[in-house]
C-alpha atoms as a PDB file:
ATOM      1  CA  UNK A   1      58.442  80.078 134.771  1.00  0.00           C
ATOM      2  CA  UNK A   2      59.680  82.908 132.348  1.00  0.00           C
ATOM      3  CA  UNK A   3      63.359  82.985 130.837  1.00  0.00           C
ATOM      4  CA  UNK A   4      64.891  85.680 129.287  1.00  0.00           C
ATOM      5  CA  UNK A   5      68.286  85.391 127.807  1.00  0.00           C
ATOM      6  CA  UNK A   6      69.952  88.626 126.778  1.00  0.00           C
ATOM      7  CA  UNK A   7      72.337  88.517 123.210  1.00  0.00           C
ATOM      8  CA  UNK A   8      75.114  91.254 123.679  1.00  0.00           C
ATOM      9  CA  UNK A   9      78.505  92.924 122.374  1.00  0.00           C
ATOM     10  CA  UNK A  10      80.434  94.034 124.865  1.00  0.00           C
ATOM     11  CA  UNK A  11      82.130  97.327 123.625  1.00  0.00           C
ATOM     12  CA  UNK A  12      85.917  98.514 124.565  1.00  0.00           C
ATOM     13  CA  UNK A  13      85.223 100.063 128.089  1.00  0.00           C
ATOM     14  CA  UNK A  14      83.538  98.568 131.037  1.00  0.00           C
ATOM     15  CA  UNK A  15      81.305 101.346 131.845  1.00  0.00           C
ATOM     16  CA  UNK A  16      79.890 101.316 128.719  1.00  0.00           C
ATOM     17  CA  UNK A  17      78.913  97.957 128.913  1.00  0.00           C
ATOM     18  CA  UNK A  18      77.283  98.782 132.137  1.00  0.00           C
ATOM     19  CA  UNK A  19      75.303 101.392 131.036  1.00  0.00           C
ATOM     20  CA  UNK A  20      74.262  99.501 127.385  1.00  0.00           C
ATOM     21  CA  UNK A  21      73.117  96.492 129.723  1.00  0.00           C
ATOM     22  CA  UNK A  22      70.414  98.292 131.759  1.00  0.00           C
ATOM     23  CA  UNK A  23      68.138  99.262 129.486  1.00  0.00           C
ATOM     24  CA  UNK A  24      68.664  95.221 128.340  1.00  0.00           C
ATOM     25  CA  UNK A  25      67.778  94.536 131.805  1.00  0.00           C
ATOM     26  CA  UNK A  26      64.831  96.636 131.730  1.00  0.00           C
ATOM     27  CA  UNK A  27      63.516  95.016 128.851  1.00  0.00           C
ATOM     28  CA  UNK A  28      63.407  91.802 129.907  1.00  0.00           C
ATOM     29  CA  UNK A  29      61.598  92.431 132.824  1.00  0.00           C
ATOM     30  CA  UNK A  30      59.672  93.976 131.437  1.00  0.00           C
ATOM     31  CA  UNK A  31      58.378  90.975 129.373  1.00  0.00           C
ATOM     32  CA  UNK A  32      57.735  89.139 132.601  1.00  0.00           C
ATOM     33  CA  UNK A  33      61.224  87.493 132.460  1.00  0.00           C
ATOM     34  CA  UNK A  34      61.641  85.455 136.408  1.00  0.00           C
ATOM     35  CA  UNK A  35      65.167  84.187 135.210  1.00  0.00           C
ATOM     36  CA  UNK A  36      67.404  86.201 133.284  1.00  0.00           C
ATOM     37  CA  UNK A  37      70.641  85.255 131.422  1.00  0.00           C
ATOM     38  CA  UNK A  38      73.884  87.535 130.178  1.00  0.00           C
ATOM     39  CA  UNK A  39      76.219  86.471 127.949  1.00  0.00           C
ATOM     40  CA  UNK A  40      79.770  85.619 128.847  1.00  0.00           C
ATOM     41  CA  UNK A  41      82.542  88.093 129.443  1.00  0.00           C
ATOM     42  CA  UNK A  42      79.899  90.442 128.524  1.00  0.00           C
ATOM     43  CA  UNK A  43      81.380  93.546 130.874  1.00  0.00           C
ATOM     44  CA  UNK A  44      85.315  93.543 129.335  1.00  0.00           C
ATOM     45  CA  UNK A  45      86.344  90.820 127.139  1.00  0.00           C
ATOM     46  CA  UNK A  46      90.403  90.541 126.751  1.00  0.00           C
ATOM     47  CA  UNK A  47      92.241  87.553 126.168  1.00  0.00           C
ATOM     48  CA  UNK A  48      95.086  85.982 128.445  1.00  0.00           C
ATOM     49  CA  UNK A  49      96.336  88.241 131.534  1.00  0.00           C
ATOM     50  CA  UNK A  50      94.935  91.335 130.540  1.00  0.00           C
ATOM     51  CA  UNK A  51      91.674  90.436 131.999  1.00  0.00           C
ATOM     52  CA  UNK A  52      93.224  90.615 135.198  1.00  0.00           C
ATOM     53  CA  UNK A  53      93.082  94.453 134.887  1.00  0.00           C
ATOM     54  CA  UNK A  54      89.148  93.848 134.789  1.00  0.00           C
ATOM     55  CA  UNK A  55      88.545  91.615 137.653  1.00  0.00           C
ATOM     56  CA  UNK A  56      86.684  92.519 140.495  1.00  0.00           C
ATOM     57  CA  UNK A  57      85.964  90.693 143.521  1.00  0.00           C
ATOM     58  CA  UNK A  58      83.117  87.990 143.749  1.00  0.00           C
ATOM     59  CA  UNK A  59      81.860  90.632 146.567  1.00  0.00           C
ATOM     60  CA  UNK A  60      82.536  94.459 145.634  1.00  0.00           C
ATOM     61  CA  UNK A  61      83.008  95.823 142.167  1.00  0.00           C
ATOM     62  CA  UNK A  62      81.399  98.128 139.921  1.00  0.00           C
ATOM     63  CA  UNK A  63      79.962  94.820 137.703  1.00  0.00           C
ATOM     64  CA  UNK A  64      79.412  92.933 140.745  1.00  0.00           C
ATOM     65  CA  UNK A  65      77.128  95.205 142.382  1.00  0.00           C
ATOM     66  CA  UNK A  66      74.829  96.882 139.546  1.00  0.00           C
ATOM     67  CA  UNK A  67      73.877  93.397 138.707  1.00  0.00           C
ATOM     68  CA  UNK A  68      72.750  92.896 141.836  1.00  0.00           C
ATOM     69  CA  UNK A  69      71.275  96.433 141.984  1.00  0.00           C
ATOM     70  CA  UNK A  70      69.216  95.058 138.414  1.00  0.00           C
ATOM     71  CA  UNK A  71      68.045  91.946 140.264  1.00  0.00           C
ATOM     72  CA  UNK A  72      66.488  93.818 143.374  1.00  0.00           C
ATOM     73  CA  UNK A  73      64.794  96.883 141.438  1.00  0.00           C
ATOM     74  CA  UNK A  74      63.528  94.729 138.927  1.00  0.00           C
ATOM     75  CA  UNK A  75      62.489  91.649 141.723  1.00  0.00           C
ATOM     76  CA  UNK A  76      63.668  89.088 138.749  1.00  0.00           C
ATOM     77  CA  UNK A  77      66.743  86.247 139.241  1.00  0.00           C
ATOM     78  CA  UNK A  78      69.635  87.404 137.308  1.00  0.00           C
ATOM     79  CA  UNK A  79      72.344  84.955 136.002  1.00  0.00           C
ATOM     80  CA  UNK A  80      75.125  87.252 135.320  1.00  0.00           C
ATOM     81  CA  UNK A  81      76.404  85.375 132.397  1.00  0.00           C
ATOM     82  CA  UNK A  82      79.867  85.434 133.228  1.00  0.00           C
ATOM     83  CA  UNK A  83      82.895  88.192 134.374  1.00  0.00           C
ATOM     84  CA  UNK A  84      86.180  88.114 135.280  1.00  0.00           C
ATOM     85  CA  UNK A  85      87.143  87.326 139.201  1.00  0.00           C
ATOM     86  CA  UNK A  86      90.120  87.922 140.676  1.00  0.00           C
ATOM     87  CA  UNK A  87      91.789  84.777 142.779  1.00  0.00           C
ATOM     88  CA  UNK A  88      94.553  84.190 144.783  1.00  0.00           C
ATOM     89  CA  UNK A  89      97.431  83.997 142.004  1.00  0.00           C
ATOM     90  CA  UNK A  90      98.004  85.987 139.114  1.00  0.00           C
ATOM     91  CA  UNK A  91      94.909  84.655 137.057  1.00  0.00           C
ATOM     92  CA  UNK A  92      91.387  84.731 137.504  1.00  0.00           C
ATOM     93  CA  UNK A  93      88.283  82.762 137.262  1.00  0.00           C
ATOM     94  CA  UNK A  94      85.814  83.044 134.718  1.00  0.00           C
ATOM     95  CA  UNK A  95      82.722  83.028 136.769  1.00  0.00           C
ATOM     96  CA  UNK A  96      78.881  83.282 136.514  1.00  0.00           C
ATOM     97  CA  UNK A  97      77.069  84.057 139.628  1.00  0.00           C
ATOM     98  CA  UNK A  98      73.254  84.146 140.491  1.00  0.00           C
ATOM     99  CA  UNK A  99      71.353  86.775 142.373  1.00  0.00           C
ATOM    100  CA  UNK A 100      67.877  86.425 143.765  1.00  0.00           C
ATOM    101  CA  UNK A 101      64.689  88.578 143.416  1.00  0.00           C
ATOM    102  CA  UNK A 102      66.723  90.540 146.517  1.00  0.00           C
ATOM    103  CA  UNK A 103      69.801  90.945 144.765  1.00  0.00           C
ATOM    104  CA  UNK A 104      71.698  88.506 147.372  1.00  0.00           C
ATOM    105  CA  UNK A 105      74.228  85.957 145.552  1.00  0.00           C
ATOM    106  CA  UNK A 106      73.022  82.387 145.673  1.00  0.00           C
ATOM    107  CA  UNK A 107      75.280  80.499 143.845  1.00  0.00           C
ATOM    108  CA  UNK A 108      78.704  80.669 141.657  1.00  0.00           C
ATOM    109  CA  UNK A 109      80.567  78.667 139.312  1.00  0.00           C
ATOM    110  CA  UNK A 110      83.672  79.117 137.975  1.00  0.00           C
ATOM    111  CA  UNK A 111      84.330  77.920 134.597  1.00  0.00           C
ATOM    112  CA  UNK A 112      86.293  74.217 134.305  1.00  0.00           C
ATOM    113  CA  UNK A 113      86.965  73.687 130.666  1.00  0.00           C
ATOM    114  CA  UNK A 114      89.157  76.703 129.566  1.00  0.00           C
ATOM    115  CA  UNK A 115      89.490  77.615 125.829  1.00  0.00           C
ATOM    116  CA  UNK A 116      92.712  77.398 124.439  1.00  0.00           C
ATOM    117  CA  UNK A 117      92.183  76.294 120.315  1.00  0.00           C
ATOM    118  CA  UNK A 118      93.624  77.744 117.196  1.00  0.00           C
ATOM    119  CA  UNK A 119      90.457  78.115 114.882  1.00  0.00           C
ATOM    120  CA  UNK A 120      89.758  79.981 111.982  1.00  0.00           C
ATOM    121  CA  UNK A 121      93.238  81.029 111.328  1.00  0.00           C
ATOM    122  CA  UNK A 122      92.939  82.951 115.036  1.00  0.00           C
ATOM    123  CA  UNK A 123      94.767  82.089 118.339  1.00  0.00           C
ATOM    124  CA  UNK A 124      92.561  81.675 121.807  1.00  0.00           C
ATOM    125  CA  UNK A 125      94.388  80.825 124.653  1.00  0.00           C
ATOM    126  CA  UNK A 126      92.042  81.435 127.770  1.00  0.00           C
ATOM    127  CA  UNK A 127      94.184  79.733 130.379  1.00  0.00           C
ATOM    128  CA  UNK A 128      96.803  82.355 129.644  1.00  0.00           C
ATOM    129  CA  UNK A 129      95.055  84.835 132.089  1.00  0.00           C
ATOM    130  CA  UNK A 130      92.365  82.524 133.517  1.00  0.00           C
ATOM    131  CA  UNK A 131      92.410  79.676 135.908  1.00  0.00           C
ATOM    132  CA  UNK A 132      89.932  76.546 135.493  1.00  0.00           C
ATOM    133  CA  UNK A 133      87.026  75.669 138.101  1.00  0.00           C
ATOM    134  CA  UNK A 134      87.234  72.403 139.919  1.00  0.00           C
ATOM    135  CA  UNK A 135      83.430  71.693 140.680  1.00  0.00           C
ATOM    136  CA  UNK A 136      80.238  71.609 138.887  1.00  0.00           C
ATOM    137  CA  UNK A 137      77.162  73.811 140.378  1.00  0.00           C
ATOM    138  CA  UNK A 138      73.662  73.712 140.808  1.00  0.00           C
ATOM    139  CA  UNK A 139      71.648  76.618 141.895  1.00  0.00           C
ATOM    140  CA  UNK A 140      67.763  76.721 142.660  1.00  0.00           C
ATOM    141  CA  UNK A 141      65.885  80.111 141.608  1.00  0.00           C
ATOM    142  CA  UNK A 142      62.247  79.658 142.429  1.00  0.00           C
ATOM    143  CA  UNK A 143      62.472  76.279 142.969  1.00  0.00           C
ATOM    144  CA  UNK A 144      63.848  74.877 139.974  1.00  0.00           C
ATOM    145  CA  UNK A 145      67.311  73.763 139.713  1.00  0.00           C
ATOM    146  CA  UNK A 146      69.927  75.495 137.219  1.00  0.00           C
ATOM    147  CA  UNK A 147      72.958  73.508 136.346  1.00  0.00           C
ATOM    148  CA  UNK A 148      75.429  76.429 135.902  1.00  0.00           C
ATOM    149  CA  UNK A 149      78.057  76.297 132.410  1.00  0.00           C
ATOM    150  CA  UNK A 150      79.853  78.624 130.833  1.00  0.00           C
ATOM    151  CA  UNK A 151      80.956  78.468 126.945  1.00  0.00           C
ATOM    152  CA  UNK A 152      83.125  76.144 126.400  1.00  0.00           C
ATOM    153  CA  UNK A 153      82.219  73.609 129.088  1.00  0.00           C
ATOM    154  CA  UNK A 154      79.253  72.437 125.759  1.00  0.00           C
ATOM    155  CA  UNK A 155      81.764  69.991 124.426  1.00  0.00           C
ATOM    156  CA  UNK A 156      81.508  68.567 127.405  1.00  0.00           C
ATOM    157  CA  UNK A 157      78.786  66.321 127.809  1.00  0.00           C
ATOM    158  CA  UNK A 158      79.493  64.477 131.211  1.00  0.00           C
ATOM    159  CA  UNK A 159      79.350  67.949 132.794  1.00  0.00           C
ATOM    160  CA  UNK A 160      75.785  68.223 132.064  1.00  0.00           C
ATOM    161  CA  UNK A 161      75.142  64.522 132.442  1.00  0.00           C
ATOM    162  CA  UNK A 162      76.387  65.371 136.412  1.00  0.00           C
ATOM    163  CA  UNK A 163      74.436  68.408 136.882  1.00  0.00           C
ATOM    164  CA  UNK A 164      71.728  66.669 135.141  1.00  0.00           C
ATOM    165  CA  UNK A 165      71.481  63.381 137.472  1.00  0.00           C
ATOM    166  CA  UNK A 166      73.957  64.197 140.585  1.00  0.00           C
ATOM    167  CA  UNK A 167      72.500  67.731 140.592  1.00  0.00           C
ATOM    168  CA  UNK A 168      68.572  67.412 139.699  1.00  0.00           C
ATOM    169  CA  UNK A 169      69.031  70.310 137.084  1.00  0.00           C
ATOM    170  CA  UNK A 170      66.417  70.772 134.512  1.00  0.00           C
ATOM    171  CA  UNK A 171      67.360  73.798 133.463  1.00  0.00           C
ATOM    172  CA  UNK A 172      71.014  74.301 131.700  1.00  0.00           C
ATOM    173  CA  UNK A 173      72.763  77.498 131.107  1.00  0.00           C
ATOM    174  CA  UNK A 174      75.407  78.283 128.728  1.00  0.00           C
ATOM    175  CA  UNK A 175      76.627  82.066 128.393  1.00  0.00           C
ATOM    176  CA  UNK A 176      79.255  82.347 125.933  1.00  0.00           C
ATOM    177  CA  UNK A 177      80.933  83.534 123.448  1.00  0.00           C
ATOM    178  CA  UNK A 178      81.317  81.271 120.858  1.00  0.00           C
ATOM    179  CA  UNK A 179      83.573  82.429 117.599  1.00  0.00           C
ATOM    180  CA  UNK A 180      81.650  82.643 114.666  1.00  0.00           C
ATOM    181  CA  UNK A 181      83.284  79.918 112.617  1.00  0.00           C
ATOM    182  CA  UNK A 182      82.554  77.137 115.714  1.00  0.00           C
ATOM    183  CA  UNK A 183      79.259  78.926 116.411  1.00  0.00           C
ATOM    184  CA  UNK A 184      78.223  78.424 112.721  1.00  0.00           C
ATOM    185  CA  UNK A 185      78.926  74.333 112.472  1.00  0.00           C
ATOM    186  CA  UNK A 186      78.042  73.375 116.148  1.00  0.00           C
ATOM    187  CA  UNK A 187      75.907  76.175 118.275  1.00  0.00           C
ATOM    188  CA  UNK A 188      73.084  74.545 117.350  1.00  0.00           C
ATOM    189  CA  UNK A 189      74.087  71.078 117.180  1.00  0.00           C
ATOM    190  CA  UNK A 190      75.493  70.632 120.532  1.00  0.00           C
ATOM    191  CA  UNK A 191      72.653  72.804 122.512  1.00  0.00           C
ATOM    192  CA  UNK A 192      69.698  70.737 121.364  1.00  0.00           C
ATOM    193  CA  UNK A 193      72.087  67.629 121.551  1.00  0.00           C
ATOM    194  CA  UNK A 194      72.392  68.922 125.592  1.00  0.00           C
ATOM    195  CA  UNK A 195      68.796  69.538 125.775  1.00  0.00           C
ATOM    196  CA  UNK A 196      67.274  65.902 124.231  1.00  0.00           C
ATOM    197  CA  UNK A 197      69.849  63.942 126.235  1.00  0.00           C
ATOM    198  CA  UNK A 198      69.429  65.316 129.928  1.00  0.00           C
ATOM    199  CA  UNK A 199      65.840  66.102 129.056  1.00  0.00           C
ATOM    200  CA  UNK A 200      66.012  69.590 130.296  1.00  0.00           C
ATOM    201  CA  UNK A 201      65.650  73.157 129.274  1.00  0.00           C
ATOM    202  CA  UNK A 202      68.479  75.224 127.879  1.00  0.00           C
ATOM    203  CA  UNK A 203      69.304  78.476 128.014  1.00  0.00           C
ATOM    204  CA  UNK A 204      71.934  80.032 125.863  1.00  0.00           C
ATOM    205  CA  UNK A 205      73.171  83.850 125.168  1.00  0.00           C
ATOM    206  CA  UNK A 206      76.106  84.694 123.415  1.00  0.00           C
ATOM    207  CA  UNK A 207      78.203  87.623 122.433  1.00  0.00           C
ATOM    208  CA  UNK A 208      77.947  88.949 118.701  1.00  0.00           C
ATOM    209  CA  UNK A 209      79.966  91.112 115.921  1.00  0.00           C
ATOM    210  CA  UNK A 210      83.205  91.768 117.591  1.00  0.00           C
ATOM    211  CA  UNK A 211      83.613  91.922 120.963  1.00  0.00           C
ATOM    212  CA  UNK A 212      85.586  94.729 122.799  1.00  0.00           C
ATOM    213  CA  UNK A 213      86.215  95.694 119.142  1.00  0.00           C
ATOM    214  CA  UNK A 214      88.901  92.980 118.552  1.00  0.00           C
ATOM    215  CA  UNK A 215      89.229  91.074 115.335  1.00  0.00           C
ATOM    216  CA  UNK A 216      87.761  87.916 116.900  1.00  0.00           C
ATOM    217  CA  UNK A 217      84.305  87.656 115.449  1.00  0.00           C
ATOM    218  CA  UNK A 218      81.612  85.998 117.665  1.00  0.00           C
ATOM    219  CA  UNK A 219      78.306  84.229 116.641  1.00  0.00           C
ATOM    220  CA  UNK A 220      75.713  85.083 118.804  1.00  0.00           C
ATOM    221  CA  UNK A 221      72.293  83.011 118.196  1.00  0.00           C
ATOM    222  CA  UNK A 222      71.005  83.069 121.715  1.00  0.00           C
ATOM    223  CA  UNK A 223      68.643  80.438 121.766  1.00  0.00           C
ATOM    224  CA  UNK A 224      65.908  78.451 124.605  1.00  0.00           C
ATOM    225  CA  UNK A 225      65.198  75.324 124.170  1.00  0.00           C
ATOM    226  CA  UNK A 226      62.723  72.695 125.707  1.00  0.00           C
ATOM    227  CA  UNK A 227      63.783  68.727 126.510  1.00  0.00           C
ATOM    228  CA  UNK A 228      62.287  67.639 123.167  1.00  0.00           C
ATOM    229  CA  UNK A 229      65.124  69.890 121.323  1.00  0.00           C
ATOM    230  CA  UNK A 230      62.606  72.160 119.970  1.00  0.00           C
ATOM    231  CA  UNK A 231      64.391  75.505 119.843  1.00  0.00           C
ATOM    232  CA  UNK A 232      61.668  77.942 121.336  1.00  0.00           C
ATOM    233  CA  UNK A 233      63.238  81.185 120.563  1.00  0.00           C
ATOM    234  CA  UNK A 234      65.988  82.511 118.843  1.00  0.00           C
ATOM    235  CA  UNK A 235      68.154  86.063 118.707  1.00  0.00           C
ATOM    236  CA  UNK A 236      68.737  87.707 115.413  1.00  0.00           C
ATOM    237  CA  UNK A 237      71.720  89.679 114.710  1.00  0.00           C
ATOM    238  CA  UNK A 238      72.432  92.672 117.017  1.00  0.00           C
ATOM    239  CA  UNK A 239      71.800  93.217 120.534  1.00  0.00           C
ATOM    240  CA  UNK A 240      68.408  92.246 122.031  1.00  0.00           C
ATOM    241  CA  UNK A 241      66.614  89.809 124.160  1.00  0.00           C
ATOM    242  CA  UNK A 242      64.476  86.777 123.771  1.00  0.00           C
ATOM    243  CA  UNK A 243      61.787  85.327 125.972  1.00  0.00           C
ATOM    244  CA  UNK A 244      60.154  81.884 126.362  1.00  0.00           C
ATOM    245  CA  UNK A 245      58.238  80.228 129.005  1.00  0.00           C
ATOM    246  CA  UNK A 246      59.618  76.912 130.832  1.00  0.00           C
ATOM    247  CA  UNK A 247      56.838  74.280 131.031  1.00  0.00           C
ATOM    248  CA  UNK A 248      58.024  72.518 133.860  1.00  0.00           C
ATOM    249  CA  UNK A 249      54.649  70.135 133.650  1.00  0.00           C
ATOM    250  CA  UNK A 250      55.341  69.076 129.901  1.00  0.00           C
ATOM    251  CA  UNK A 251      59.193  68.226 131.232  1.00  0.00           C
ATOM    252  CA  UNK A 252      57.512  66.143 133.475  1.00  0.00           C
ATOM    253  CA  UNK A 253      55.633  64.512 130.963  1.00  0.00           C
ATOM    254  CA  UNK A 254      58.741  64.409 128.370  1.00  0.00           C
ATOM    255  CA  UNK A 255      60.968  62.409 131.324  1.00  0.00           C
ATOM    256  CA  UNK A 256      57.842  59.584 131.902  1.00  0.00           C
ATOM    257  CA  UNK A 257      56.560  58.962 128.577  1.00  0.00           C
ATOM    258  CA  UNK A 258      60.791  58.560 127.303  1.00  0.00           C
ATOM    259  CA  UNK A 259      62.102  57.526 130.294  1.00  0.00           C
ATOM    260  CA  UNK A 260      65.772  57.028 129.046  1.00  0.00           C
ATOM    261  CA  UNK A 261      67.300  58.910 131.923  1.00  0.00           C
ATOM    262  CA  UNK A 262      65.847  55.902 134.282  1.00  0.00           C
ATOM    263  CA  UNK A 263      67.398  53.228 131.341  1.00  0.00           C
ATOM    264  CA  UNK A 264      70.733  54.339 132.244  1.00  0.00           C
ATOM    265  CA  UNK A 265      72.947  51.432 133.563  1.00  0.00           C
ATOM    266  CA  UNK A 266      75.763  53.421 135.327  1.00  0.00           C
ATOM    267  CA  UNK A 267      77.393  50.230 136.039  1.00  0.00           C
ATOM    268  CA  UNK A 268      78.419  49.433 132.871  1.00  0.00           C
ATOM    269  CA  UNK A 269      80.310  52.618 131.845  1.00  0.00           C
ATOM    270  CA  UNK A 270      81.493  55.753 133.167  1.00  0.00           C
ATOM    271  CA  UNK A 271      82.488  57.176 136.694  1.00  0.00           C
ATOM    272  CA  UNK A 272      79.670  59.952 138.297  1.00  0.00           C
ATOM    273  CA  UNK A 273      80.927  63.349 139.322  1.00  0.00           C
ATOM    274  CA  UNK A 274      80.184  65.013 142.823  1.00  0.00           C
ATOM    275  CA  UNK A 275      77.610  68.199 141.839  1.00  0.00           C
ATOM    276  CA  UNK A 276      78.128  70.880 144.835  1.00  0.00           C
ATOM    277  CA  UNK A 277      75.114  73.067 145.371  1.00  0.00           C
ATOM    278  CA  UNK A 278      75.160  77.168 145.614  1.00  0.00           C
ATOM    279  CA  UNK A 279      77.949  79.236 146.328  1.00  0.00           C
ATOM    280  CA  UNK A 280      79.789  78.000 147.798  1.00  0.00           C
ATOM    281  CA  UNK A 281      81.427  75.316 145.294  1.00  0.00           C
ATOM    282  CA  UNK A 282      83.041  78.505 143.282  1.00  0.00           C
ATOM    283  CA  UNK A 283      85.587  79.285 146.236  1.00  0.00           C
END
């Protein structure tokens, strides 16, 4: 399976983001990608309640429709990073949607952990306008199980453990908009840890620069990492596409030669989480 990650800087206007993303998706498809991952909030980057004005329904809206069109036109599987999806109340969900090669939605995951922090003198309050999700989700893509996460989820290893063990995920996706400060300190460290401890591939793509023209710099450095912790591909600065082949036979070999997942003793520590398959888990 060939995977592609698209690094991007969201502009202030949603229409322009859709226009600027289109050639990057086409480039990724042209490089032979079977699955393409977009970054977090790539279509409209805002904090707080203002994001609701840019939100769409899961079954209708310019972004969800164009992502379906891209998947169908290029005959690729598309994981739409994450976008704001309308909920029942005043807040939106930060939702990662999966499309198959026919353009049909096959799974959707709502970000569980919300980014409410003060770093580098900048305050972030994602919960002001966003409602957290409540269920981990695994999506099956071309016979491979993908564990879906979004950005700040990366700091919670128990979520990834549930995706790998209960959900059977062998690929973990992390569409993100990591801050410059936290990204410089922790981005690669956390990504490689999640790959090694779960013996899974990690696809991680981020925004870069100043998304939305706001004074909140993002780290970028999108990566594809193998189950041994090796960085297979890393994006340079700016908008762009990285690709790598995910060798599932090599993954199976690593799990067999170093069977750490089988050596766990859960009866002595922790609790297991239930993982929901596919799109039903997002509602």
